[in-house]
């Protein structure tokens, strides 16, 4: 298991667990991003991670991406 912030761009992975700020986690879960979700990392940068899940794209800050394990 590794942090989402460590996954290379272009890789697909499954979310194993998420932990962090309650408001951020509720926002992600309201968009159907939860444990067991399949995601693809589109881009990794110094400021964060851009992912795709289904037809949606999300930009996650470093602190959020580090708390999502895949």
PDB file of N, CA and C in Angstrom:
ATOM      1  N   UNK A   1       0.852  -1.165   0.000  1.00  0.00           N
ATOM      2  CA  UNK A   1       0.000   0.000   0.000  1.00  0.00           C
ATOM      3  C   UNK A   1       0.900   1.230   0.000  1.00  0.00           C
ATOM      4  N   UNK A   2       0.535   2.218  -0.812  1.00  0.00           N
ATOM      5  CA  UNK A   2       1.319   3.438  -0.876  1.00  0.00           C
ATOM      6  C   UNK A   2       0.399   4.643  -0.927  1.00  0.00           C
ATOM      7  N   UNK A   3       0.962   5.791  -0.693  1.00  0.00           N
ATOM      8  CA  UNK A   3       0.224   7.040  -0.721  1.00  0.00           C
ATOM      9  C   UNK A   3      -0.093   7.400  -2.171  1.00  0.00           C
ATOM     10  N   UNK A   4      -1.245   8.022  -2.387  1.00  0.00           N
ATOM     11  CA  UNK A   4      -1.621   8.466  -3.729  1.00  0.00           C
ATOM     12  C   UNK A   4      -0.585   9.439  -4.281  1.00  0.00           C
ATOM     13  N   UNK A   5       0.051  10.203  -3.422  1.00  0.00           N
ATOM     14  CA  UNK A   5       1.058  11.164  -3.870  1.00  0.00           C
ATOM     15  C   UNK A   5       2.312  10.484  -4.420  1.00  0.00           C
ATOM     16  N   UNK A   6       2.471   9.176  -4.210  1.00  0.00           N
ATOM     17  CA  UNK A   6       3.634   8.425  -4.690  1.00  0.00           C
ATOM     18  C   UNK A   6       3.369   7.682  -6.003  1.00  0.00           C
ATOM     19  N   UNK A   7       2.134   7.675  -6.457  1.00  0.00           N
ATOM     20  CA  UNK A   7       1.770   6.944  -7.673  1.00  0.00           C
ATOM     21  C   UNK A   7       2.163   7.776  -8.890  1.00  0.00           C
ATOM     22  N   UNK A   8       2.743   7.146  -9.887  1.00  0.00           N
ATOM     23  CA  UNK A   8       3.173   7.842 -11.093  1.00  0.00           C
ATOM     24  C   UNK A   8       1.989   8.193 -11.990  1.00  0.00           C
ATOM     25  N   UNK A   9       2.145   9.267 -12.733  1.00  0.00           N
ATOM     26  CA  UNK A   9       1.136   9.681 -13.702  1.00  0.00           C
ATOM     27  C   UNK A   9       0.913   8.567 -14.719  1.00  0.00           C
ATOM     28  N   UNK A  10      -0.331   8.324 -15.063  1.00  0.00           N
ATOM     29  CA  UNK A  10      -0.688   7.289 -16.026  1.00  0.00           C
ATOM     30  C   UNK A  10      -1.107   5.981 -15.399  1.00  0.00           C
ATOM     31  N   UNK A  11      -0.813   5.787 -14.118  1.00  0.00           N
ATOM     32  CA  UNK A  11      -1.155   4.531 -13.457  1.00  0.00           C
ATOM     33  C   UNK A  11      -2.607   4.546 -12.960  1.00  0.00           C
ATOM     34  N   UNK A  12      -3.223   3.376 -12.999  1.00  0.00           N
ATOM     35  CA  UNK A  12      -4.559   3.177 -12.440  1.00  0.00           C
ATOM     36  C   UNK A  12      -4.414   2.445 -11.118  1.00  0.00           C
ATOM     37  N   UNK A  13      -5.263   2.751 -10.150  1.00  0.00           N
ATOM     38  CA  UNK A  13      -5.172   2.095  -8.850  1.00  0.00           C
ATOM     39  C   UNK A  13      -6.535   2.116  -8.158  1.00  0.00           C
ATOM     40  N   UNK A  14      -6.614   1.375  -7.075  1.00  0.00           N
ATOM     41  CA  UNK A  14      -7.824   1.278  -6.270  1.00  0.00           C
ATOM     42  C   UNK A  14      -7.558   1.924  -4.921  1.00  0.00           C
ATOM     43  N   UNK A  15      -8.499   2.743  -4.463  1.00  0.00           N
ATOM     44  CA  UNK A  15      -8.365   3.387  -3.156  1.00  0.00           C
ATOM     45  C   UNK A  15      -8.581   2.338  -2.075  1.00  0.00           C
ATOM     46  N   UNK A  16      -7.626   2.187  -1.175  1.00  0.00           N
ATOM     47  CA  UNK A  16      -7.726   1.229  -0.067  1.00  0.00           C
ATOM     48  C   UNK A  16      -8.355   1.883   1.162  1.00  0.00           C
ATOM     49  N   UNK A  17      -7.878   3.095   1.518  1.00  0.00           N
ATOM     50  CA  UNK A  17      -8.504   3.835   2.604  1.00  0.00           C
ATOM     51  C   UNK A  17      -8.146   5.305   2.522  1.00  0.00           C
ATOM     52  N   UNK A  18      -8.993   6.136   3.123  1.00  0.00           N
ATOM     53  CA  UNK A  18      -8.806   7.582   3.120  1.00  0.00           C
ATOM     54  C   UNK A  18      -8.947   8.088   4.550  1.00  0.00           C
ATOM     55  N   UNK A  19      -8.101   9.021   4.909  1.00  0.00           N
ATOM     56  CA  UNK A  19      -8.131   9.611   6.236  1.00  0.00           C
ATOM     57  C   UNK A  19      -7.748  11.075   6.096  1.00  0.00           C
ATOM     58  N   UNK A  20      -8.375  11.933   6.858  1.00  0.00           N
ATOM     59  CA  UNK A  20      -8.002  13.342   6.794  1.00  0.00           C
ATOM     60  C   UNK A  20      -9.097  14.247   7.291  1.00  0.00           C
ATOM     61  N   UNK A  21      -9.022  15.494   6.870  1.00  0.00           N
ATOM     62  CA  UNK A  21      -9.982  16.516   7.240  1.00  0.00           C
ATOM     63  C   UNK A  21     -11.398  16.036   6.915  1.00  0.00           C
ATOM     64  N   UNK A  22     -12.269  16.124   7.882  1.00  0.00           N
ATOM     65  CA  UNK A  22     -13.641  15.612   7.725  1.00  0.00           C
ATOM     66  C   UNK A  22     -14.350  16.281   6.557  1.00  0.00           C
ATOM     67  N   UNK A  23     -14.216  17.590   6.404  1.00  0.00           N
ATOM     68  CA  UNK A  23     -14.905  18.297   5.333  1.00  0.00           C
ATOM     69  C   UNK A  23     -14.415  17.840   3.956  1.00  0.00           C
ATOM     70  N   UNK A  24     -13.113  17.660   3.816  1.00  0.00           N
ATOM     71  CA  UNK A  24     -12.566  17.224   2.527  1.00  0.00           C
ATOM     72  C   UNK A  24     -13.016  15.798   2.216  1.00  0.00           C
ATOM     73  N   UNK A  25     -12.958  14.916   3.209  1.00  0.00           N
ATOM     74  CA  UNK A  25     -13.361  13.534   2.980  1.00  0.00           C
ATOM     75  C   UNK A  25     -14.859  13.441   2.667  1.00  0.00           C
ATOM     76  N   UNK A  26     -15.680  14.247   3.306  1.00  0.00           N
ATOM     77  CA  UNK A  26     -17.114  14.259   2.993  1.00  0.00           C
ATOM     78  C   UNK A  26     -17.342  14.754   1.566  1.00  0.00           C
ATOM     79  N   UNK A  27     -16.579  15.762   1.143  1.00  0.00           N
ATOM     80  CA  UNK A  27     -16.696  16.257  -0.230  1.00  0.00           C
ATOM     81  C   UNK A  27     -16.360  15.148  -1.226  1.00  0.00           C
ATOM     82  N   UNK A  28     -15.247  14.453  -1.003  1.00  0.00           N
ATOM     83  CA  UNK A  28     -14.848  13.384  -1.916  1.00  0.00           C
ATOM     84  C   UNK A  28     -15.864  12.255  -1.936  1.00  0.00           C
ATOM     85  N   UNK A  29     -16.354  11.870  -0.772  1.00  0.00           N
ATOM     86  CA  UNK A  29     -17.358  10.792  -0.710  1.00  0.00           C
ATOM     87  C   UNK A  29     -18.667  11.217  -1.370  1.00  0.00           C
ATOM     88  N   UNK A  30     -19.004  12.501  -1.317  1.00  0.00           N
ATOM     89  CA  UNK A  30     -20.228  12.973  -1.974  1.00  0.00           C
ATOM     90  C   UNK A  30     -20.091  12.881  -3.496  1.00  0.00           C
ATOM     91  N   UNK A  31     -18.861  12.796  -3.991  1.00  0.00           N
ATOM     92  CA  UNK A  31     -18.599  12.614  -5.419  1.00  0.00           C
ATOM     93  C   UNK A  31     -18.341  11.145  -5.740  1.00  0.00           C
ATOM     94  N   UNK A  32     -18.728  10.253  -4.826  1.00  0.00           N
ATOM     95  CA  UNK A  32     -18.589   8.797  -4.970  1.00  0.00           C
ATOM     96  C   UNK A  32     -17.148   8.316  -4.968  1.00  0.00           C
ATOM     97  N   UNK A  33     -16.219   9.112  -4.435  1.00  0.00           N
ATOM     98  CA  UNK A  33     -14.849   8.652  -4.265  1.00  0.00           C
ATOM     99  C   UNK A  33     -14.746   8.069  -2.867  1.00  0.00           C
ATOM    100  N   UNK A  34     -14.510   6.758  -2.799  1.00  0.00           N
ATOM    101  CA  UNK A  34     -14.474   6.078  -1.509  1.00  0.00           C
ATOM    102  C   UNK A  34     -13.563   4.869  -1.621  1.00  0.00           C
ATOM    103  N   UNK A  35     -13.424   4.152  -0.538  1.00  0.00           N
ATOM    104  CA  UNK A  35     -12.634   2.939  -0.539  1.00  0.00           C
ATOM    105  C   UNK A  35     -13.191   1.982  -1.588  1.00  0.00           C
ATOM    106  N   UNK A  36     -12.320   1.415  -2.386  1.00  0.00           N
ATOM    107  CA  UNK A  36     -12.738   0.510  -3.457  1.00  0.00           C
ATOM    108  C   UNK A  36     -12.909   1.195  -4.807  1.00  0.00           C
ATOM    109  N   UNK A  37     -12.875   2.524  -4.844  1.00  0.00           N
ATOM    110  CA  UNK A  37     -13.020   3.252  -6.109  1.00  0.00           C
ATOM    111  C   UNK A  37     -11.780   3.081  -6.972  1.00  0.00           C
ATOM    112  N   UNK A  38     -12.002   2.950  -8.271  1.00  0.00           N
ATOM    113  CA  UNK A  38     -10.920   2.876  -9.245  1.00  0.00           C
ATOM    114  C   UNK A  38     -10.617   4.289  -9.729  1.00  0.00           C
ATOM    115  N   UNK A  39      -9.343   4.674  -9.697  1.00  0.00           N
ATOM    116  CA  UNK A  39      -8.947   6.000 -10.155  1.00  0.00           C
ATOM    117  C   UNK A  39      -7.726   5.878 -11.063  1.00  0.00           C
ATOM    118  N   UNK A  40      -7.474   6.927 -11.835  1.00  0.00           N
ATOM    119  CA  UNK A  40      -6.272   7.001 -12.674  1.00  0.00           C
ATOM    120  C   UNK A  40      -5.593   8.323 -12.360  1.00  0.00           C
ATOM    121  N   UNK A  41      -4.288   8.260 -12.140  1.00  0.00           N
ATOM    122  CA  UNK A  41      -3.506   9.459 -11.860  1.00  0.00           C
ATOM    123  C   UNK A  41      -3.154  10.096 -13.203  1.00  0.00           C
ATOM    124  N   UNK A  42      -3.587  11.340 -13.392  1.00  0.00           N
ATOM    125  CA  UNK A  42      -3.312  12.039 -14.640  1.00  0.00           C
ATOM    126  C   UNK A  42      -2.024  12.837 -14.577  1.00  0.00           C
ATOM    127  N   UNK A  43      -1.768  13.444 -13.413  1.00  0.00           N
ATOM    128  CA  UNK A  43      -0.579  14.279 -13.289  1.00  0.00           C
ATOM    129  C   UNK A  43      -0.151  14.388 -11.835  1.00  0.00           C
ATOM    130  N   UNK A  44       1.148  14.362 -11.612  1.00  0.00           N
ATOM    131  CA  UNK A  44       1.737  14.582 -10.292  1.00  0.00           C
ATOM    132  C   UNK A  44       2.571  15.855 -10.388  1.00  0.00           C
ATOM    133  N   UNK A  45       2.424  16.716  -9.392  1.00  0.00           N
ATOM    134  CA  UNK A  45       3.210  17.939  -9.384  1.00  0.00           C
ATOM    135  C   UNK A  45       3.635  18.287  -7.977  1.00  0.00           C
ATOM    136  N   UNK A  46       4.392  19.349  -7.848  1.00  0.00           N
ATOM    137  CA  UNK A  46       4.847  19.786  -6.529  1.00  0.00           C
ATOM    138  C   UNK A  46       3.679  20.216  -5.645  1.00  0.00           C
ATOM    139  N   UNK A  47       2.647  20.771  -6.249  1.00  0.00           N
ATOM    140  CA  UNK A  47       1.518  21.274  -5.480  1.00  0.00           C
ATOM    141  C   UNK A  47       0.425  20.264  -5.229  1.00  0.00           C
ATOM    142  N   UNK A  48       0.418  19.141  -5.950  1.00  0.00           N
ATOM    143  CA  UNK A  48      -0.636  18.169  -5.743  1.00  0.00           C
ATOM    144  C   UNK A  48      -0.731  17.140  -6.852  1.00  0.00           C
ATOM    145  N   UNK A  49      -1.903  16.514  -6.906  1.00  0.00           N
ATOM    146  CA  UNK A  49      -2.154  15.396  -7.810  1.00  0.00           C
ATOM    147  C   UNK A  49      -3.465  15.630  -8.537  1.00  0.00           C
ATOM    148  N   UNK A  50      -3.501  15.329  -9.821  1.00  0.00           N
ATOM    149  CA  UNK A  50      -4.741  15.392 -10.591  1.00  0.00           C
ATOM    150  C   UNK A  50      -5.112  13.955 -10.936  1.00  0.00           C
ATOM    151  N   UNK A  51      -6.357  13.588 -10.599  1.00  0.00           N
ATOM    152  CA  UNK A  51      -6.823  12.224 -10.853  1.00  0.00           C
ATOM    153  C   UNK A  51      -8.108  12.248 -11.664  1.00  0.00           C
ATOM    154  N   UNK A  52      -8.424  11.096 -12.255  1.00  0.00           N
ATOM    155  CA  UNK A  52      -9.700  10.926 -12.950  1.00  0.00           C
ATOM    156  C   UNK A  52     -10.406   9.729 -12.344  1.00  0.00           C
ATOM    157  N   UNK A  53     -11.688   9.915 -12.098  1.00  0.00           N
ATOM    158  CA  UNK A  53     -12.542   8.830 -11.627  1.00  0.00           C
ATOM    159  C   UNK A  53     -13.837   8.921 -12.412  1.00  0.00           C
ATOM    160  N   UNK A  54     -14.137   7.872 -13.158  1.00  0.00           N
ATOM    161  CA  UNK A  54     -15.289   7.872 -14.061  1.00  0.00           C
ATOM    162  C   UNK A  54     -15.122   9.033 -15.033  1.00  0.00           C
ATOM    163  N   UNK A  55     -16.074   9.944 -15.102  1.00  0.00           N
ATOM    164  CA  UNK A  55     -15.997  11.080 -16.027  1.00  0.00           C
ATOM    165  C   UNK A  55     -15.587  12.370 -15.332  1.00  0.00           C
ATOM    166  N   UNK A  56     -15.083  12.275 -14.108  1.00  0.00           N
ATOM    167  CA  UNK A  56     -14.736  13.460 -13.328  1.00  0.00           C
ATOM    168  C   UNK A  56     -13.235  13.536 -13.105  1.00  0.00           C
ATOM    169  N   UNK A  57     -12.735  14.770 -13.065  1.00  0.00           N
ATOM    170  CA  UNK A  57     -11.331  15.005 -12.728  1.00  0.00           C
ATOM    171  C   UNK A  57     -11.285  15.806 -11.442  1.00  0.00           C
ATOM    172  N   UNK A  58     -10.311  15.472 -10.609  1.00  0.00           N
ATOM    173  CA  UNK A  58     -10.138  16.136  -9.322  1.00  0.00           C
ATOM    174  C   UNK A  58      -8.689  16.571  -9.169  1.00  0.00           C
ATOM    175  N   UNK A  59      -8.497  17.760  -8.633  1.00  0.00           N
ATOM    176  CA  UNK A  59      -7.168  18.233  -8.257  1.00  0.00           C
ATOM    177  C   UNK A  59      -7.090  18.143  -6.741  1.00  0.00           C
ATOM    178  N   UNK A  60      -6.128  17.398  -6.239  1.00  0.00           N
ATOM    179  CA  UNK A  60      -5.966  17.195  -4.806  1.00  0.00           C
ATOM    180  C   UNK A  60      -4.644  17.800  -4.358  1.00  0.00           C
ATOM    181  N   UNK A  61      -4.673  18.534  -3.264  1.00  0.00           N
ATOM    182  CA  UNK A  61      -3.443  19.069  -2.703  1.00  0.00           C
ATOM    183  C   UNK A  61      -2.567  17.958  -2.160  1.00  0.00           C
ATOM    184  N   UNK A  62      -1.293  18.272  -1.949  1.00  0.00           N
ATOM    185  CA  UNK A  62      -0.334  17.274  -1.452  1.00  0.00           C
ATOM    186  C   UNK A  62      -0.791  16.642  -0.151  1.00  0.00           C
ATOM    187  N   UNK A  63      -1.300  17.466   0.778  1.00  0.00           N
ATOM    188  CA  UNK A  63      -1.695  16.947   2.081  1.00  0.00           C
ATOM    189  C   UNK A  63      -2.869  15.982   1.981  1.00  0.00           C
ATOM    190  N   UNK A  64      -3.753  16.174   1.010  1.00  0.00           N
ATOM    191  CA  UNK A  64      -4.889  15.269   0.806  1.00  0.00           C
ATOM    192  C   UNK A  64      -4.392  13.983   0.139  1.00  0.00           C
ATOM    193  N   UNK A  65      -3.590  14.119  -0.909  1.00  0.00           N
ATOM    194  CA  UNK A  65      -3.090  12.944  -1.649  1.00  0.00           C
ATOM    195  C   UNK A  65      -2.249  12.036  -0.742  1.00  0.00           C
ATOM    196  N   UNK A  66      -1.536  12.610   0.206  1.00  0.00           N
ATOM    197  CA  UNK A  66      -0.718  11.797   1.110  1.00  0.00           C
ATOM    198  C   UNK A  66      -1.567  10.958   2.058  1.00  0.00           C
ATOM    199  N   UNK A  67      -2.787  11.379   2.322  1.00  0.00           N
ATOM    200  CA  UNK A  67      -3.657  10.663   3.261  1.00  0.00           C
ATOM    201  C   UNK A  67      -4.569   9.654   2.594  1.00  0.00           C
ATOM    202  N   UNK A  68      -4.466   9.532   1.278  1.00  0.00           N
ATOM    203  CA  UNK A  68      -5.240   8.533   0.527  1.00  0.00           C
ATOM    204  C   UNK A  68      -4.270   7.409   0.177  1.00  0.00           C
ATOM    205  N   UNK A  69      -4.592   6.205   0.616  1.00  0.00           N
ATOM    206  CA  UNK A  69      -3.730   5.039   0.362  1.00  0.00           C
ATOM    207  C   UNK A  69      -4.324   4.181  -0.735  1.00  0.00           C
ATOM    208  N   UNK A  70      -3.446   3.744  -1.621  1.00  0.00           N
ATOM    209  CA  UNK A  70      -3.899   2.929  -2.754  1.00  0.00           C
ATOM    210  C   UNK A  70      -3.093   1.633  -2.805  1.00  0.00           C
TER     211      UNK A  70
END
